Protein backbone atom coordinates (compact mmCIF):
# COMPACT_ATOMS: atom_id res chain seq x y z
CA MET A 1 2.74 -94.06 -174.03
CA SER A 2 1.10 -92.97 -177.27
CA PHE A 3 1.02 -94.93 -180.48
CA PHE A 4 1.20 -93.54 -184.02
CA ARG A 5 -0.61 -94.41 -187.21
CA PRO A 6 0.53 -92.95 -190.56
CA VAL A 7 -2.07 -91.40 -192.86
CA LEU A 8 -2.10 -90.49 -196.55
CA ASN A 9 -0.58 -87.04 -196.12
CA ASP A 10 2.41 -88.57 -194.24
CA SER A 11 1.40 -86.84 -191.03
CA LEU A 12 1.01 -88.73 -187.78
CA ILE A 13 -2.13 -89.41 -185.79
CA ILE A 14 -1.46 -89.72 -182.08
CA HIS A 15 -3.72 -92.04 -180.12
CA PRO A 16 -3.29 -92.23 -176.34
CA PRO A 17 -3.56 -95.51 -174.41
CA GLY A 18 -6.90 -94.30 -173.11
CA PHE A 19 -8.90 -91.59 -171.36
CA TYR A 20 -9.78 -90.69 -167.78
CA VAL A 21 -13.49 -90.06 -167.15
CA ILE A 22 -13.62 -87.35 -164.48
CA GLY A 23 -17.23 -86.19 -164.57
CA PHE A 24 -18.09 -87.16 -160.99
CA GLU A 25 -14.92 -86.19 -159.15
CA THR A 26 -16.25 -82.91 -157.72
CA PHE A 27 -19.71 -84.06 -156.59
CA PRO A 28 -20.42 -84.26 -152.86
CA PHE A 29 -22.26 -87.40 -151.67
CA ILE A 30 -21.61 -89.04 -155.03
CA ASN A 31 -21.57 -92.47 -153.32
CA ILE A 32 -25.32 -92.18 -152.73
CA TYR A 33 -25.86 -91.47 -156.42
CA PHE A 34 -23.91 -94.57 -157.44
CA ILE A 35 -25.97 -96.72 -155.07
CA PHE A 36 -29.08 -95.25 -156.70
CA LEU A 37 -27.64 -96.16 -160.13
CA VAL A 38 -27.22 -99.78 -159.03
CA PHE A 39 -30.90 -99.84 -158.06
CA VAL A 40 -31.86 -98.29 -161.43
CA TYR A 41 -29.80 -100.89 -163.30
CA VAL A 42 -31.28 -103.86 -161.39
CA VAL A 43 -34.83 -102.57 -162.05
CA THR A 44 -33.99 -101.98 -165.73
CA VAL A 45 -32.61 -105.47 -166.31
CA PHE A 46 -35.27 -107.29 -164.27
CA PHE A 47 -38.42 -105.69 -165.66
CA ASN A 48 -37.25 -105.44 -169.26
CA SER A 49 -36.09 -109.07 -169.15
CA LEU A 50 -39.50 -110.02 -167.73
CA VAL A 51 -41.23 -108.24 -170.63
CA ILE A 52 -39.00 -109.96 -173.19
CA TYR A 53 -39.60 -113.38 -171.56
CA ILE A 54 -43.40 -112.95 -171.43
CA ILE A 55 -43.69 -111.89 -175.06
CA THR A 56 -41.17 -114.40 -176.42
CA PHE A 57 -42.75 -117.47 -174.79
CA ASN A 58 -46.40 -116.55 -175.43
CA HIS A 59 -47.30 -117.15 -179.07
CA ARG A 60 -50.50 -115.12 -178.72
CA LEU A 61 -48.33 -112.04 -178.19
CA HIS A 62 -46.38 -112.52 -181.39
CA LYS A 63 -47.98 -109.46 -182.94
CA PRO A 64 -46.56 -106.25 -184.47
CA LYS A 65 -47.22 -104.11 -181.38
CA PHE A 66 -45.43 -106.53 -179.06
CA LEU A 67 -42.50 -106.86 -181.44
CA ALA A 68 -42.09 -103.09 -181.02
CA VAL A 69 -42.32 -103.52 -177.22
CA VAL A 70 -39.61 -106.25 -177.23
CA ASN A 71 -37.48 -103.98 -179.39
CA LEU A 72 -37.76 -101.17 -176.82
CA ALA A 73 -37.06 -103.52 -173.88
CA LEU A 74 -33.90 -104.93 -175.51
CA ILE A 75 -32.64 -101.44 -176.32
CA ASP A 76 -33.29 -100.32 -172.74
CA ILE A 77 -31.18 -103.15 -171.28
CA ILE A 78 -28.24 -102.54 -173.62
CA LEU A 79 -28.37 -98.75 -173.20
CA ASN A 80 -28.08 -98.86 -169.41
CA THR A 81 -25.57 -101.73 -169.53
CA CYS A 82 -23.36 -99.49 -171.66
CA THR A 83 -22.96 -96.78 -169.01
CA ILE A 84 -24.08 -97.77 -165.50
CA PRO A 85 -21.61 -100.66 -164.86
CA SER A 86 -18.69 -98.46 -165.92
CA MET A 87 -19.88 -95.67 -163.60
CA VAL A 88 -20.27 -98.12 -160.72
CA LYS A 89 -16.78 -99.48 -161.45
CA ILE A 90 -15.38 -95.99 -160.86
CA PHE A 91 -17.13 -95.95 -157.48
CA LEU A 92 -16.09 -99.47 -156.40
CA VAL A 93 -12.56 -99.77 -157.80
CA LYS A 94 -11.67 -96.07 -157.94
CA ASP A 95 -10.45 -96.63 -161.48
CA ASN A 96 -11.69 -94.10 -164.04
CA PHE A 97 -9.31 -95.11 -166.85
CA VAL A 98 -10.92 -96.31 -170.10
CA PRO A 99 -8.67 -97.82 -172.84
CA PHE A 100 -8.81 -96.01 -176.19
CA ASN A 101 -10.56 -98.74 -178.21
CA LEU A 102 -12.99 -99.49 -175.37
CA CYS A 103 -13.76 -95.78 -175.17
CA LEU A 104 -14.70 -95.69 -178.85
CA PHE A 105 -16.76 -98.87 -178.46
CA GLN A 106 -18.66 -97.42 -175.48
CA MET A 107 -19.24 -94.22 -177.48
CA PHE A 108 -20.59 -96.24 -180.41
CA VAL A 109 -22.92 -98.41 -178.28
CA TYR A 110 -24.28 -95.46 -176.30
CA TYR A 111 -25.15 -93.33 -179.32
CA ALA A 112 -26.36 -96.26 -181.43
CA PHE A 113 -28.78 -97.42 -178.77
CA GLY A 114 -29.70 -93.91 -177.67
CA THR A 115 -30.71 -93.37 -181.29
CA LEU A 116 -32.56 -96.69 -181.36
CA GLU A 117 -34.44 -95.65 -178.21
CA SER A 118 -35.64 -92.56 -180.07
CA TYR A 119 -36.66 -94.64 -183.09
CA ALA A 120 -38.37 -97.25 -180.87
CA LEU A 121 -40.62 -94.53 -179.44
CA ALA A 122 -41.38 -93.38 -182.99
CA ILE A 123 -42.28 -96.97 -183.96
CA LEU A 124 -44.73 -97.18 -181.04
CA ALA A 125 -46.23 -93.87 -182.21
CA TYR A 126 -46.60 -95.39 -185.68
CA ASP A 127 -48.44 -98.35 -184.15
CA ARG A 128 -50.88 -96.00 -182.38
CA LEU A 129 -51.31 -93.95 -185.58
CA ILE A 130 -52.34 -96.99 -187.65
CA ALA A 131 -54.56 -98.41 -184.90
CA ILE A 132 -56.54 -95.18 -184.39
CA CYS A 133 -56.51 -93.53 -187.81
CA PHE A 134 -56.93 -96.71 -189.89
CA PRO A 135 -58.77 -99.15 -187.58
CA LEU A 136 -60.35 -101.19 -190.41
CA ARG A 137 -57.05 -101.60 -192.26
CA HIS A 138 -54.85 -101.95 -189.17
CA ASN A 139 -54.26 -105.69 -189.51
CA SER A 140 -53.42 -105.43 -193.22
CA ILE A 141 -51.11 -102.39 -192.90
CA ASN A 142 -49.33 -103.13 -189.63
CA THR A 143 -48.35 -106.77 -190.11
CA LEU A 144 -45.65 -108.69 -188.28
CA ARG A 145 -43.58 -108.71 -191.45
CA SER A 146 -43.87 -104.95 -192.02
CA MET A 147 -43.04 -104.24 -188.36
CA SER A 148 -40.00 -106.54 -188.60
CA CYS A 149 -38.83 -104.61 -191.65
CA ILE A 150 -39.29 -101.26 -189.90
CA VAL A 151 -37.38 -102.42 -186.81
CA GLY A 152 -34.62 -103.91 -188.98
CA LEU A 153 -34.27 -100.71 -191.01
CA THR A 154 -34.01 -98.54 -187.90
CA TRP A 155 -31.31 -100.81 -186.48
CA SER A 156 -29.34 -100.81 -189.74
CA PHE A 157 -29.61 -97.04 -190.15
CA ALA A 158 -28.77 -96.17 -186.53
CA VAL A 159 -25.85 -98.59 -186.34
CA GLY A 160 -24.48 -97.49 -189.73
CA VAL A 161 -24.63 -93.75 -189.04
CA THR A 162 -23.22 -94.13 -185.52
CA ALA A 163 -20.41 -96.39 -186.79
CA PHE A 164 -19.43 -93.69 -189.30
CA ALA A 165 -19.56 -90.94 -186.65
CA THR A 166 -17.42 -93.04 -184.28
CA GLY A 167 -15.03 -94.16 -187.02
CA ILE A 168 -13.99 -90.61 -187.91
CA MET A 169 -12.85 -90.12 -184.30
CA THR A 170 -9.81 -92.26 -185.19
CA ARG A 171 -8.63 -89.42 -187.46
CA LEU A 172 -8.06 -87.14 -184.47
CA SER A 173 -4.80 -86.74 -182.58
CA PHE A 174 -4.72 -86.49 -178.79
CA CYS A 175 -1.39 -85.07 -177.75
CA SER A 176 -2.19 -83.20 -174.53
CA SER A 177 -5.11 -83.79 -172.17
CA VAL A 178 -6.89 -87.15 -171.93
CA ARG A 179 -9.34 -86.15 -169.15
CA VAL A 180 -12.94 -86.48 -170.36
CA PHE A 181 -15.36 -84.37 -168.34
CA SER A 182 -18.47 -86.51 -168.62
CA TYR A 183 -19.97 -89.67 -167.14
CA PHE A 184 -18.71 -91.88 -170.00
CA CYS A 185 -16.61 -91.54 -173.16
CA ASP A 186 -18.88 -88.89 -174.59
CA TYR A 187 -18.52 -87.81 -178.22
CA ALA A 188 -18.18 -84.03 -177.91
CA PRO A 189 -16.04 -83.97 -174.72
CA VAL A 190 -13.63 -86.44 -176.39
CA PHE A 191 -13.19 -84.72 -179.75
CA ARG A 192 -12.70 -81.37 -178.02
CA LEU A 193 -9.54 -82.83 -176.45
CA SER A 194 -7.92 -83.34 -179.85
CA CYS A 195 -5.00 -81.19 -180.96
CA ASN A 196 -5.91 -81.14 -184.64
CA ASP A 197 -8.95 -79.82 -186.51
CA TYR A 198 -12.25 -81.42 -185.41
CA THR A 199 -14.58 -79.44 -187.69
CA MET A 200 -15.82 -82.60 -189.42
CA GLN A 201 -16.59 -84.31 -186.11
CA TRP A 202 -18.49 -81.25 -184.91
CA SER A 203 -20.50 -81.10 -188.15
CA VAL A 204 -21.30 -84.81 -188.01
CA ALA A 205 -22.35 -84.55 -184.35
CA SER A 206 -24.73 -81.66 -185.11
CA SER A 207 -26.19 -83.35 -188.20
CA VAL A 208 -26.59 -86.74 -186.52
CA THR A 209 -28.35 -85.16 -183.52
CA ILE A 210 -30.92 -83.57 -185.81
CA LEU A 211 -31.29 -86.67 -187.98
CA LEU A 212 -31.47 -89.31 -185.27
CA LEU A 213 -33.18 -87.48 -182.39
CA VAL A 214 -35.09 -84.50 -183.74
CA GLY A 215 -36.38 -86.45 -186.76
CA PRO A 216 -38.17 -89.18 -184.75
CA PHE A 217 -39.48 -86.55 -182.32
CA ILE A 218 -41.05 -84.56 -185.17
CA PHE A 219 -42.57 -87.79 -186.54
CA ILE A 220 -44.10 -88.48 -183.11
CA LEU A 221 -45.57 -84.97 -182.96
CA LEU A 222 -47.04 -85.31 -186.47
CA SER A 223 -48.44 -88.75 -185.60
CA TYR A 224 -50.24 -87.41 -182.56
CA GLY A 225 -51.46 -84.45 -184.56
CA SER A 226 -53.11 -86.88 -186.96
CA ILE A 227 -54.42 -88.95 -184.05
CA LEU A 228 -56.03 -85.89 -182.44
CA VAL A 229 -57.70 -84.91 -185.72
CA THR A 230 -59.12 -88.44 -186.07
CA VAL A 231 -60.23 -88.58 -182.42
CA PHE A 232 -62.11 -85.27 -182.55
CA ARG A 233 -63.95 -86.46 -185.64
CA MET A 234 -65.41 -89.35 -183.67
CA LYS A 235 -69.06 -88.82 -182.80
CA SER A 236 -69.08 -90.74 -179.52
CA LEU A 237 -67.40 -89.22 -176.46
CA ASP A 238 -66.78 -92.70 -175.13
CA SER A 239 -64.90 -93.64 -178.31
CA ARG A 240 -62.76 -90.51 -178.00
CA VAL A 241 -61.84 -91.29 -174.40
CA LYS A 242 -60.99 -94.92 -175.21
CA ALA A 243 -58.82 -93.92 -178.18
CA LEU A 244 -56.90 -91.31 -176.19
CA ALA A 245 -56.53 -93.67 -173.21
CA THR A 246 -54.49 -96.06 -175.37
CA CYS A 247 -51.96 -93.27 -175.98
CA VAL A 248 -51.38 -92.04 -172.41
CA GLU A 249 -48.61 -94.48 -171.46
CA HIS A 250 -46.74 -93.88 -174.71
CA LEU A 251 -46.94 -90.11 -174.26
CA ILE A 252 -45.41 -90.54 -170.79
CA LEU A 253 -42.49 -92.44 -172.34
CA VAL A 254 -42.01 -89.69 -174.93
CA ALA A 255 -42.08 -86.99 -172.24
CA VAL A 256 -39.65 -88.87 -169.96
CA PHE A 257 -37.17 -89.41 -172.81
CA TYR A 258 -37.31 -86.19 -174.82
CA ILE A 259 -38.14 -83.38 -172.38
CA PRO A 260 -35.05 -83.79 -170.12
CA LEU A 261 -32.72 -84.18 -173.13
CA ILE A 262 -34.15 -81.17 -174.96
CA THR A 263 -34.04 -79.08 -171.77
CA ILE A 264 -30.45 -80.04 -170.94
CA PHE A 265 -29.17 -79.49 -174.47
CA THR A 266 -31.02 -76.17 -174.82
CA ILE A 267 -30.05 -74.75 -171.42
CA GLY A 268 -26.66 -76.40 -171.09
CA PHE A 269 -25.15 -76.34 -174.57
CA TYR A 270 -26.76 -73.36 -176.24
CA LEU A 271 -27.82 -70.97 -173.48
CA ARG A 272 -24.97 -71.98 -171.12
CA LEU A 273 -27.18 -71.42 -168.07
CA ILE A 274 -26.08 -74.49 -166.06
CA ASP A 275 -22.53 -75.33 -165.05
CA ALA A 276 -20.67 -78.37 -166.31
CA ASP A 277 -21.11 -80.41 -163.09
CA GLN A 278 -24.89 -80.02 -163.11
CA ARG A 279 -25.00 -80.84 -166.81
CA VAL A 280 -23.13 -84.13 -166.30
CA LEU A 281 -25.40 -85.18 -163.42
CA SER A 282 -28.59 -84.13 -165.25
CA LEU A 283 -27.57 -85.81 -168.49
CA SER A 284 -26.67 -89.07 -166.74
CA LEU A 285 -30.08 -89.10 -165.02
CA ALA A 286 -31.85 -88.27 -168.28
CA SER A 287 -30.07 -91.16 -169.98
CA CYS A 288 -30.40 -93.80 -167.25
CA LEU A 289 -33.95 -93.27 -165.98
CA PRO A 290 -36.05 -93.81 -169.17
CA PRO A 291 -34.89 -97.45 -169.67
CA CYS A 292 -35.83 -98.10 -166.04
CA ILE A 293 -39.23 -96.39 -166.26
CA ASN A 294 -40.32 -97.68 -169.69
CA PRO A 295 -41.35 -101.25 -168.75
CA ILE A 296 -43.14 -100.07 -165.60
CA VAL A 297 -45.27 -97.30 -167.09
CA TYR A 298 -45.85 -98.83 -170.53
CA SER A 299 -45.06 -102.51 -171.15
CA LEU A 300 -46.30 -103.98 -167.86
CA LYS A 301 -49.42 -101.79 -167.96
CA THR A 302 -50.43 -103.21 -171.33
CA GLU A 303 -53.35 -105.49 -170.54
CA GLU A 304 -52.08 -108.59 -172.36
CA ILE A 305 -48.60 -108.36 -170.79
CA LYS A 306 -50.00 -107.49 -167.37
CA THR A 307 -52.32 -110.53 -167.41
CA ARG A 308 -49.53 -112.92 -168.34
CA ALA A 309 -47.11 -111.35 -165.85
CA LEU A 310 -49.62 -111.88 -163.02
CA ALA A 311 -50.23 -115.46 -164.22
CA LEU A 312 -46.46 -116.09 -164.22
CA LEU A 313 -46.14 -114.73 -160.66
CA LYS A 314 -49.03 -116.95 -159.49
CA LYS A 315 -47.40 -119.96 -161.16
CA ILE A 316 -44.09 -119.23 -159.42
CA LYS A 317 -45.87 -118.73 -156.08
CA LEU A 318 -47.82 -122.01 -156.44
CA ALA A 319 -44.63 -123.89 -157.37
CA HIS A 320 -42.88 -122.42 -154.33
CA ASN A 321 -45.77 -123.33 -152.01
CA LYS A 322 -45.96 -126.84 -153.48
CA HIS A 323 -42.23 -127.32 -152.97
CA GLY A 324 -42.57 -126.05 -149.37
CA ASN A 325 -45.49 -128.41 -148.66
CA LYS A 326 -43.51 -131.35 -150.00
CA LYS A 327 -40.66 -130.55 -147.63
CA VAL A 328 -43.09 -130.30 -144.68
CA MET A 329 -44.80 -133.58 -145.59
CA HIS A 330 -41.46 -135.29 -146.07
CA GLY A 331 -40.30 -134.10 -142.67
CA GLY A 332 -43.56 -135.30 -141.08
CA LEU A 333 -43.22 -138.80 -142.55
CA ILE A 334 -39.70 -139.18 -141.22
CA LYS A 335 -40.82 -138.17 -137.74
CA HIS A 336 -43.80 -140.53 -137.88
CA SER A 337 -41.69 -143.50 -138.96
CA ASN A 338 -39.29 -142.89 -136.07
CA ASN A 339 -42.20 -143.01 -133.61
CA VAL A 340 -43.68 -146.17 -135.09
CA GLY A 341 -40.50 -148.23 -134.65
CA PRO A 342 -40.33 -148.32 -130.84
CA ILE A 343 -44.10 -148.89 -130.44
CA CYS A 344 -43.97 -152.00 -132.61
CA LEU A 345 -40.99 -153.37 -130.72
CA CYS A 346 -42.70 -152.86 -127.35
CA SER A 347 -45.84 -154.68 -128.44
CA GLU A 348 -43.81 -157.68 -129.41
């Protein structure tokens, strides 16, 4: 059953009860892929939560760089929580129906935090830029307060723009098909189902993609251009190597996030060289893997976080061993007391 909402021009907007996500119906061996997604989600939540815990409860790590790392870890958890549980639900319950309002909410969360992921990588590039190009002024430029402001602005901007883009979806009518060919309630596959004009939604989608994804990527490229210029001006080869070494992990994150997305959008949407099934699978992998990989290749390889993570593991291991020894000693005392009783009675 559809419901109707009157608008200013006295026409009717038809909203269906919900949509059916059908992106994985034709894949063979899709069960194996869903099991893999469960593994990806567990790794994402565990390692990113570990990073957040280590930084939050160690006051020595309350620095601008680690605020940016916590920001990325939080975004990673929410981004994969937005899509993977719903995909696994389809596998477990065989229910691919998503209510209309929940569909819009999932759409909003996915694109808001996908955008924030892009901005988080740009913030980490900014941190490297200041540290390498302005080493003497690094502590005065990149303060905890300035980093907090930058993170807050990116959240406000991303959430605001995505809320507007999602809000205008309510102006569309869906009077025929409600089958969304994607792995979640994706923006373009949903608005293409509408039976009225979606020119504005198409324009907003194109503009937002450039503004929220291409913009940060260009900033990252310009940042590393400036970093390379500064590095090659250094007289010592050892200084050059050390400066570049601090950027390797971040460049891996940038490559893992941007290269698959750019490739899929270029080949799939513009050149039309891959079919729709392959695009859905590739895009879901490109979206789910970076949040899983980020803490492993970047956060936990940062020396300060790595040291405290190892110390935390040792502490947990010692506590476990101590608890085990107490149980053994307690068991030994009980046994000994049982043996002592009869001996004493016999001697009497």
